[in-house]
Amino acid sequence: MIPALRGGLLALLFLPQAAGAEDLVASRVADGAELARFEVPEGTGWCVLWHHSVKGFEVSDCYENRSGRMVLVHSHLPDFAAGLGHIPGRGTQVTDGQGGYFILDIDEPVPGDAYILRPGLGPVDHRLQVGDQVISLSAVAPRERVRIALVGHLDQ
């Protein structure tokens, strides 16, 4: 092969992935089984929802695909219950007008564009919501380790 051509082909292999070609994938850590897959184009988001184990209200952490990176954007917490709260310097806390609060502008990239979640049982009901689609991780993998990852179509 002509050296210049070979170099050009190698360069093509290492081009960054086109932004917008990502999926949100939830998979069981133990066996890698895919539990859910959602297309999440550049600039769109999703939320992880659950009910607080003591108070029962719904909590949400919402993320966005920013140039192929998983970024925590905001959270909603309806109460200052045990284990929930705002960390000064990490986003801005504002009232939700109903006794709870939002933490806005967190804008925190998730290391490795993935994390492990152990969905709670029964009423805790950890769910992924992408647009109008919702899947209960608690229903398909209760108390199991689940990897939630933003992956590019070329990463699969």
N, C-alpha and C. Protein backbone atom coordinates (compact mmCIF):
# COMPACT_ATOMS: atom_id res chain seq x y z
N MET A 1 0.84 -1.18 0.00
CA MET A 1 0.00 0.00 0.00
C MET A 1 0.88 1.23 0.00
N ILE A 2 0.45 2.27 -0.65
CA ILE A 2 1.19 3.52 -0.70
C ILE A 2 1.22 4.12 0.70
N PRO A 3 2.40 4.49 1.23
CA PRO A 3 2.50 5.00 2.60
C PRO A 3 1.54 6.15 2.89
N ALA A 4 1.39 7.10 1.97
CA ALA A 4 0.51 8.25 2.23
C ALA A 4 -0.94 7.78 2.36
N LEU A 5 -1.35 6.82 1.53
CA LEU A 5 -2.70 6.30 1.59
C LEU A 5 -2.92 5.54 2.90
N ARG A 6 -1.92 4.72 3.28
CA ARG A 6 -2.03 3.97 4.53
C ARG A 6 -2.21 4.94 5.71
N GLY A 7 -1.44 6.01 5.73
CA GLY A 7 -1.56 7.01 6.79
C GLY A 7 -2.94 7.65 6.81
N GLY A 8 -3.50 7.90 5.62
CA GLY A 8 -4.84 8.49 5.54
C GLY A 8 -5.90 7.56 6.08
N LEU A 9 -5.76 6.25 5.77
CA LEU A 9 -6.72 5.28 6.28
C LEU A 9 -6.62 5.15 7.80
N LEU A 10 -5.40 5.17 8.32
CA LEU A 10 -5.23 5.12 9.77
C LEU A 10 -5.85 6.35 10.43
N ALA A 11 -5.67 7.49 9.81
CA ALA A 11 -6.25 8.72 10.37
C ALA A 11 -7.77 8.61 10.43
N LEU A 12 -8.39 8.00 9.41
CA LEU A 12 -9.84 7.83 9.42
C LEU A 12 -10.30 6.98 10.59
N LEU A 13 -9.52 5.98 10.96
CA LEU A 13 -9.89 5.11 12.07
C LEU A 13 -9.92 5.85 13.41
N PHE A 14 -9.16 6.93 13.51
CA PHE A 14 -9.05 7.62 14.78
C PHE A 14 -9.77 8.96 14.81
N LEU A 15 -10.61 9.22 13.81
CA LEU A 15 -11.40 10.45 13.84
C LEU A 15 -12.40 10.37 14.98
N PRO A 16 -12.67 11.49 15.65
CA PRO A 16 -13.67 11.45 16.71
C PRO A 16 -15.03 11.07 16.12
N GLN A 17 -15.81 10.42 16.92
CA GLN A 17 -17.14 10.01 16.50
C GLN A 17 -18.00 11.24 16.27
N ALA A 18 -18.84 11.19 15.28
CA ALA A 18 -19.73 12.31 15.02
C ALA A 18 -20.65 12.52 16.22
N ALA A 19 -20.76 13.77 16.65
CA ALA A 19 -21.64 14.07 17.76
C ALA A 19 -23.07 13.71 17.38
N GLY A 20 -23.82 13.23 18.32
CA GLY A 20 -25.21 12.91 18.06
C GLY A 20 -25.46 11.45 17.77
N ALA A 21 -24.42 10.64 17.72
CA ALA A 21 -24.58 9.22 17.40
C ALA A 21 -24.42 8.39 18.67
N GLU A 22 -25.22 8.70 19.70
CA GLU A 22 -25.09 8.00 20.97
C GLU A 22 -26.40 7.35 21.40
N ASP A 23 -26.24 6.30 22.21
CA ASP A 23 -27.38 5.63 22.84
C ASP A 23 -27.15 5.62 24.34
N LEU A 24 -28.24 5.68 25.08
CA LEU A 24 -28.21 5.44 26.51
C LEU A 24 -28.53 3.97 26.70
N VAL A 25 -27.61 3.25 27.34
CA VAL A 25 -27.76 1.80 27.49
C VAL A 25 -27.72 1.45 28.97
N ALA A 26 -28.69 0.67 29.41
CA ALA A 26 -28.69 0.11 30.77
C ALA A 26 -28.45 -1.38 30.62
N SER A 27 -27.43 -1.88 31.31
CA SER A 27 -27.12 -3.30 31.21
C SER A 27 -26.79 -3.87 32.58
N ARG A 28 -27.10 -5.14 32.74
CA ARG A 28 -26.81 -5.84 33.99
C ARG A 28 -25.30 -6.08 34.06
N VAL A 29 -24.66 -5.68 35.15
CA VAL A 29 -23.21 -5.83 35.29
C VAL A 29 -22.81 -7.30 35.32
N ALA A 30 -23.56 -8.13 36.02
CA ALA A 30 -23.19 -9.53 36.22
C ALA A 30 -23.00 -10.29 34.92
N ASP A 31 -23.88 -10.06 33.93
CA ASP A 31 -23.79 -10.84 32.69
C ASP A 31 -23.78 -9.99 31.42
N GLY A 32 -23.83 -8.67 31.58
CA GLY A 32 -23.80 -7.78 30.42
C GLY A 32 -25.11 -7.69 29.67
N ALA A 33 -26.15 -8.35 30.15
CA ALA A 33 -27.44 -8.35 29.45
C ALA A 33 -27.98 -6.92 29.35
N GLU A 34 -28.37 -6.55 28.15
CA GLU A 34 -28.93 -5.23 27.92
C GLU A 34 -30.37 -5.18 28.42
N LEU A 35 -30.68 -4.20 29.25
CA LEU A 35 -32.01 -4.05 29.83
C LEU A 35 -32.82 -2.99 29.10
N ALA A 36 -32.14 -1.97 28.59
CA ALA A 36 -32.81 -0.88 27.89
C ALA A 36 -31.80 -0.18 26.99
N ARG A 37 -32.31 0.36 25.89
CA ARG A 37 -31.48 1.16 24.98
C ARG A 37 -32.37 2.26 24.41
N PHE A 38 -31.88 3.48 24.49
CA PHE A 38 -32.59 4.64 23.96
C PHE A 38 -31.62 5.46 23.13
N GLU A 39 -32.07 5.94 22.00
CA GLU A 39 -31.26 6.87 21.22
C GLU A 39 -31.36 8.24 21.88
N VAL A 40 -30.21 8.87 22.11
CA VAL A 40 -30.19 10.21 22.71
C VAL A 40 -29.26 11.10 21.88
N PRO A 41 -29.82 11.77 20.88
CA PRO A 41 -29.01 12.65 20.03
C PRO A 41 -28.37 13.78 20.84
N GLU A 42 -27.34 14.35 20.28
CA GLU A 42 -26.65 15.50 20.85
C GLU A 42 -27.68 16.54 21.32
N GLY A 43 -27.51 17.02 22.55
CA GLY A 43 -28.37 18.07 23.09
C GLY A 43 -29.65 17.59 23.73
N THR A 44 -29.94 16.29 23.64
CA THR A 44 -31.15 15.78 24.28
C THR A 44 -30.78 15.13 25.60
N GLY A 45 -31.80 14.91 26.43
CA GLY A 45 -31.52 14.40 27.75
C GLY A 45 -32.42 13.28 28.19
N TRP A 46 -32.19 12.85 29.43
CA TRP A 46 -32.94 11.78 30.07
C TRP A 46 -32.85 11.97 31.56
N CYS A 47 -33.72 11.29 32.29
CA CYS A 47 -33.71 11.37 33.75
C CYS A 47 -33.73 9.98 34.37
N VAL A 48 -33.12 9.89 35.53
CA VAL A 48 -33.25 8.73 36.40
C VAL A 48 -34.20 9.18 37.50
N LEU A 49 -35.30 8.46 37.64
CA LEU A 49 -36.35 8.80 38.61
C LEU A 49 -36.45 7.69 39.65
N TRP A 50 -36.77 8.05 40.87
CA TRP A 50 -37.04 7.06 41.91
C TRP A 50 -37.81 7.71 43.03
N HIS A 51 -38.39 6.87 43.88
CA HIS A 51 -39.12 7.35 45.05
C HIS A 51 -38.22 7.20 46.28
N HIS A 52 -38.15 8.26 47.07
CA HIS A 52 -37.34 8.24 48.28
C HIS A 52 -37.81 7.09 49.16
N SER A 53 -36.85 6.31 49.69
CA SER A 53 -37.19 5.08 50.41
C SER A 53 -37.93 5.32 51.72
N VAL A 54 -37.82 6.50 52.30
CA VAL A 54 -38.52 6.79 53.55
C VAL A 54 -39.75 7.68 53.31
N LYS A 55 -39.54 8.79 52.62
CA LYS A 55 -40.61 9.76 52.42
C LYS A 55 -41.55 9.41 51.26
N GLY A 56 -41.06 8.64 50.28
CA GLY A 56 -41.90 8.18 49.17
C GLY A 56 -42.05 9.15 48.02
N PHE A 57 -41.57 10.39 48.13
CA PHE A 57 -41.72 11.33 47.02
C PHE A 57 -40.73 11.01 45.90
N GLU A 58 -41.05 11.52 44.70
CA GLU A 58 -40.20 11.26 43.54
C GLU A 58 -39.01 12.21 43.50
N VAL A 59 -37.85 11.65 43.24
CA VAL A 59 -36.60 12.39 43.08
C VAL A 59 -36.14 12.17 41.64
N SER A 60 -35.47 13.16 41.05
CA SER A 60 -34.96 12.98 39.70
C SER A 60 -33.57 13.57 39.56
N ASP A 61 -32.75 12.87 38.79
CA ASP A 61 -31.45 13.37 38.34
C ASP A 61 -31.53 13.35 36.82
N CYS A 62 -31.25 14.49 36.20
CA CYS A 62 -31.41 14.59 34.75
C CYS A 62 -30.08 14.91 34.08
N TYR A 63 -29.86 14.23 32.96
CA TYR A 63 -28.60 14.26 32.24
C TYR A 63 -28.84 14.72 30.81
N GLU A 64 -27.74 15.04 30.13
CA GLU A 64 -27.81 15.45 28.74
C GLU A 64 -26.62 14.90 27.98
N ASN A 65 -26.84 14.60 26.71
CA ASN A 65 -25.76 14.23 25.80
C ASN A 65 -25.16 15.54 25.30
N ARG A 66 -23.95 15.84 25.76
CA ARG A 66 -23.24 17.04 25.30
C ARG A 66 -21.97 16.60 24.57
N SER A 67 -22.04 16.66 23.26
CA SER A 67 -20.91 16.26 22.41
C SER A 67 -20.44 14.85 22.73
N GLY A 68 -21.40 13.96 22.96
CA GLY A 68 -21.07 12.56 23.21
C GLY A 68 -20.67 12.26 24.64
N ARG A 69 -20.82 13.21 25.54
CA ARG A 69 -20.48 13.03 26.95
C ARG A 69 -21.75 13.05 27.79
N MET A 70 -21.80 12.21 28.83
CA MET A 70 -22.91 12.19 29.78
C MET A 70 -22.64 13.29 30.81
N VAL A 71 -23.58 14.25 30.88
CA VAL A 71 -23.42 15.39 31.79
C VAL A 71 -24.65 15.48 32.69
N LEU A 72 -24.43 15.49 34.02
CA LEU A 72 -25.51 15.72 34.98
C LEU A 72 -25.86 17.20 34.91
N VAL A 73 -27.13 17.50 34.59
CA VAL A 73 -27.55 18.87 34.35
C VAL A 73 -28.31 19.43 35.55
N HIS A 74 -29.32 18.68 36.05
CA HIS A 74 -30.10 19.19 37.18
C HIS A 74 -30.75 18.05 37.94
N SER A 75 -31.17 18.37 39.15
CA SER A 75 -31.89 17.41 40.01
C SER A 75 -33.11 18.10 40.59
N HIS A 76 -34.10 17.29 40.92
CA HIS A 76 -35.28 17.80 41.62
C HIS A 76 -35.47 16.97 42.88
N LEU A 77 -35.58 17.66 43.99
CA LEU A 77 -35.74 17.02 45.29
C LEU A 77 -36.91 17.70 46.00
N PRO A 78 -38.01 17.00 46.22
CA PRO A 78 -39.19 17.62 46.79
C PRO A 78 -39.12 17.90 48.29
N ASP A 79 -38.00 17.57 48.93
CA ASP A 79 -37.91 17.70 50.39
C ASP A 79 -36.43 17.65 50.77
N PHE A 80 -36.13 18.11 51.97
CA PHE A 80 -34.77 18.01 52.49
C PHE A 80 -34.66 16.76 53.35
N ALA A 81 -35.06 15.62 52.81
CA ALA A 81 -35.05 14.37 53.54
C ALA A 81 -33.62 13.85 53.72
N ALA A 82 -33.48 12.87 54.59
CA ALA A 82 -32.17 12.27 54.87
C ALA A 82 -31.49 11.84 53.58
N GLY A 83 -30.25 12.23 53.44
CA GLY A 83 -29.45 11.82 52.30
C GLY A 83 -29.60 12.71 51.09
N LEU A 84 -30.47 13.69 51.14
CA LEU A 84 -30.66 14.58 50.00
C LEU A 84 -30.26 15.99 50.41
N GLY A 85 -29.70 16.69 49.49
CA GLY A 85 -29.33 18.07 49.79
C GLY A 85 -28.45 18.66 48.72
N HIS A 86 -28.30 19.95 48.79
CA HIS A 86 -27.49 20.70 47.85
C HIS A 86 -26.08 20.84 48.41
N ILE A 87 -25.10 20.65 47.58
CA ILE A 87 -23.71 20.84 47.96
C ILE A 87 -23.30 22.21 47.43
N PRO A 88 -22.97 23.15 48.32
CA PRO A 88 -22.57 24.49 47.86
C PRO A 88 -21.46 24.41 46.82
N GLY A 89 -21.60 25.22 45.76
CA GLY A 89 -20.62 25.23 44.69
C GLY A 89 -20.92 24.24 43.58
N ARG A 90 -21.95 23.43 43.76
CA ARG A 90 -22.33 22.43 42.75
C ARG A 90 -23.74 22.76 42.27
N GLY A 91 -23.84 23.62 41.29
CA GLY A 91 -25.13 24.06 40.79
C GLY A 91 -25.75 25.13 41.67
N THR A 92 -26.97 25.50 41.32
CA THR A 92 -27.69 26.54 42.03
C THR A 92 -29.00 25.98 42.55
N GLN A 93 -29.25 26.14 43.84
CA GLN A 93 -30.50 25.65 44.44
C GLN A 93 -31.57 26.72 44.32
N VAL A 94 -32.74 26.32 43.78
CA VAL A 94 -33.89 27.22 43.69
C VAL A 94 -35.13 26.45 44.12
N THR A 95 -36.10 27.17 44.62
CA THR A 95 -37.34 26.54 45.08
C THR A 95 -38.13 25.99 43.89
N ASP A 96 -38.89 24.93 44.15
CA ASP A 96 -39.80 24.42 43.12
C ASP A 96 -41.20 24.98 43.33
N GLY A 97 -41.36 25.82 44.36
CA GLY A 97 -42.65 26.44 44.64
C GLY A 97 -43.62 25.54 45.37
N GLN A 98 -43.19 24.32 45.72
CA GLN A 98 -44.08 23.36 46.39
C GLN A 98 -43.41 22.74 47.61
N GLY A 99 -42.42 23.45 48.18
CA GLY A 99 -41.74 22.94 49.37
C GLY A 99 -40.47 22.18 49.09
N GLY A 100 -40.20 21.94 47.82
CA GLY A 100 -38.98 21.24 47.43
C GLY A 100 -38.05 22.18 46.70
N TYR A 101 -37.09 21.62 45.99
CA TYR A 101 -36.14 22.47 45.29
C TYR A 101 -35.53 21.75 44.09
N PHE A 102 -35.05 22.57 43.18
CA PHE A 102 -34.26 22.12 42.05
C PHE A 102 -32.81 22.50 42.31
N ILE A 103 -31.89 21.69 41.84
CA ILE A 103 -30.50 22.09 41.76
C ILE A 103 -30.23 22.19 40.27
N LEU A 104 -30.06 23.42 39.80
CA LEU A 104 -29.90 23.70 38.38
C LEU A 104 -28.43 23.95 38.05
N ASP A 105 -28.12 23.87 36.77
CA ASP A 105 -26.78 24.21 36.27
C ASP A 105 -25.67 23.44 36.97
N ILE A 106 -25.92 22.15 37.25
CA ILE A 106 -24.87 21.33 37.85
C ILE A 106 -23.75 21.16 36.82
N ASP A 107 -24.11 20.83 35.60
CA ASP A 107 -23.17 20.72 34.48
C ASP A 107 -21.90 19.94 34.83
N GLU A 108 -22.10 18.74 35.37
CA GLU A 108 -21.00 17.90 35.83
C GLU A 108 -20.86 16.68 34.92
N PRO A 109 -19.76 16.58 34.16
CA PRO A 109 -19.55 15.39 33.33
C PRO A 109 -19.41 14.15 34.22
N VAL A 110 -20.01 13.07 33.79
CA VAL A 110 -19.92 11.80 34.51
C VAL A 110 -18.65 11.09 34.05
N PRO A 111 -17.74 10.77 34.97
CA PRO A 111 -16.50 10.11 34.57
C PRO A 111 -16.76 8.83 33.78
N GLY A 112 -16.12 8.72 32.63
CA GLY A 112 -16.28 7.52 31.80
C GLY A 112 -17.64 7.41 31.14
N ASP A 113 -18.48 8.45 31.26
CA ASP A 113 -19.81 8.46 30.65
C ASP A 113 -20.68 7.28 31.08
N ALA A 114 -20.45 6.80 32.30
CA ALA A 114 -21.22 5.66 32.81
C ALA A 114 -21.13 5.62 34.33
N TYR A 115 -22.11 4.98 34.95
CA TYR A 115 -22.05 4.73 36.39
C TYR A 115 -22.88 3.50 36.71
N ILE A 116 -22.68 3.00 37.92
CA ILE A 116 -23.39 1.81 38.38
C ILE A 116 -24.50 2.24 39.34
N LEU A 117 -25.67 1.67 39.15
CA LEU A 117 -26.83 1.93 39.99
C LEU A 117 -27.36 0.58 40.46
N ARG A 118 -27.78 0.50 41.70
CA ARG A 118 -28.43 -0.71 42.21
C ARG A 118 -29.90 -0.35 42.44
N PRO A 119 -30.79 -0.69 41.47
CA PRO A 119 -32.20 -0.32 41.59
C PRO A 119 -32.84 -0.88 42.85
N GLY A 120 -33.61 -0.03 43.51
CA GLY A 120 -34.31 -0.43 44.73
C GLY A 120 -35.53 -1.27 44.43
N LEU A 121 -35.99 -1.95 45.44
CA LEU A 121 -37.17 -2.82 45.31
C LEU A 121 -38.47 -2.02 45.41
N GLY A 122 -39.54 -2.64 44.95
CA GLY A 122 -40.90 -2.18 45.13
C GLY A 122 -41.13 -0.70 44.91
N PRO A 123 -41.58 -0.01 45.97
CA PRO A 123 -42.01 1.37 45.80
C PRO A 123 -40.88 2.35 45.45
N VAL A 124 -39.63 1.98 45.66
CA VAL A 124 -38.52 2.88 45.28
C VAL A 124 -38.54 3.07 43.76
N ASP A 125 -38.70 2.00 43.01
CA ASP A 125 -38.91 2.00 41.56
C ASP A 125 -37.98 2.94 40.79
N HIS A 126 -36.71 2.58 40.69
CA HIS A 126 -35.77 3.34 39.86
C HIS A 126 -36.17 3.18 38.39
N ARG A 127 -36.29 4.30 37.69
CA ARG A 127 -36.71 4.29 36.28
C ARG A 127 -35.82 5.17 35.44
N LEU A 128 -35.70 4.82 34.18
CA LEU A 128 -35.08 5.67 33.18
C LEU A 128 -36.19 6.28 32.35
N GLN A 129 -36.13 7.58 32.15
CA GLN A 129 -37.11 8.26 31.31
C GLN A 129 -36.38 9.02 30.22
N VAL A 130 -36.72 8.68 28.98
CA VAL A 130 -36.19 9.38 27.82
C VAL A 130 -37.40 9.83 27.01
N GLY A 131 -37.66 11.12 27.02
CA GLY A 131 -38.87 11.63 26.38
C GLY A 131 -40.09 11.03 27.06
N ASP A 132 -40.98 10.43 26.27
CA ASP A 132 -42.19 9.81 26.81
C ASP A 132 -41.98 8.35 27.19
N GLN A 133 -40.79 7.81 26.91
CA GLN A 133 -40.52 6.40 27.20
C GLN A 133 -39.94 6.26 28.60
N VAL A 134 -40.47 5.28 29.33
CA VAL A 134 -40.00 5.02 30.70
C VAL A 134 -39.83 3.51 30.87
N ILE A 135 -38.71 3.12 31.47
CA ILE A 135 -38.51 1.71 31.81
C ILE A 135 -38.15 1.63 33.28
N SER A 136 -38.76 0.71 33.98
CA SER A 136 -38.46 0.49 35.39
C SER A 136 -37.29 -0.47 35.52
N LEU A 137 -36.16 0.05 35.98
CA LEU A 137 -35.00 -0.81 36.23
C LEU A 137 -35.27 -1.69 37.45
N SER A 138 -36.07 -1.20 38.38
CA SER A 138 -36.42 -2.00 39.55
C SER A 138 -37.23 -3.23 39.16
N ALA A 139 -38.02 -3.13 38.09
CA ALA A 139 -38.82 -4.26 37.65
C ALA A 139 -37.98 -5.31 36.94
N VAL A 140 -36.95 -4.88 36.20
CA VAL A 140 -36.18 -5.84 35.41
C VAL A 140 -34.87 -6.29 36.07
N ALA A 141 -34.40 -5.55 37.08
CA ALA A 141 -33.14 -5.93 37.73
C ALA A 141 -33.09 -5.42 39.17
N PRO A 142 -34.09 -5.82 39.99
CA PRO A 142 -34.12 -5.32 41.37
C PRO A 142 -32.88 -5.74 42.15
N ARG A 143 -32.27 -4.78 42.83
CA ARG A 143 -31.11 -4.97 43.71
C ARG A 143 -29.88 -5.53 42.99
N GLU A 144 -29.90 -5.51 41.66
CA GLU A 144 -28.73 -5.95 40.90
C GLU A 144 -27.93 -4.72 40.49
N ARG A 145 -26.66 -4.92 40.21
CA ARG A 145 -25.84 -3.82 39.72
C ARG A 145 -26.15 -3.60 38.25
N VAL A 146 -26.54 -2.36 37.94
CA VAL A 146 -26.89 -1.99 36.57
C VAL A 146 -25.97 -0.85 36.13
N ARG A 147 -25.38 -1.02 34.96
CA ARG A 147 -24.51 0.01 34.39
C ARG A 147 -25.35 0.87 33.46
N ILE A 148 -25.35 2.18 33.72
CA ILE A 148 -26.03 3.14 32.86
C ILE A 148 -24.93 3.89 32.12
N ALA A 149 -24.95 3.81 30.79
CA ALA A 149 -23.85 4.36 30.00
C ALA A 149 -24.36 5.07 28.75
N LEU A 150 -23.67 6.13 28.41
CA LEU A 150 -23.87 6.79 27.12
C LEU A 150 -22.79 6.23 26.21
N VAL A 151 -23.22 5.54 25.16
CA VAL A 151 -22.26 4.89 24.26
C VAL A 151 -22.49 5.36 22.84
N GLY A 152 -21.40 5.48 22.09
CA GLY A 152 -21.49 5.82 20.70
C GLY A 152 -21.82 4.59 19.88
N HIS A 153 -22.44 4.79 18.76
CA HIS A 153 -22.80 3.66 17.90
C HIS A 153 -21.56 2.87 17.49
N LEU A 154 -20.39 3.52 17.44
CA LEU A 154 -19.17 2.84 17.06
C LEU A 154 -18.54 2.09 18.24
N ASP A 155 -19.01 2.35 19.48
CA ASP A 155 -18.47 1.70 20.67
C ASP A 155 -19.04 0.31 20.88
N GLN A 156 -20.01 -0.09 20.11
CA GLN A 156 -20.75 -1.32 20.41
C GLN A 156 -20.14 -2.54 19.77
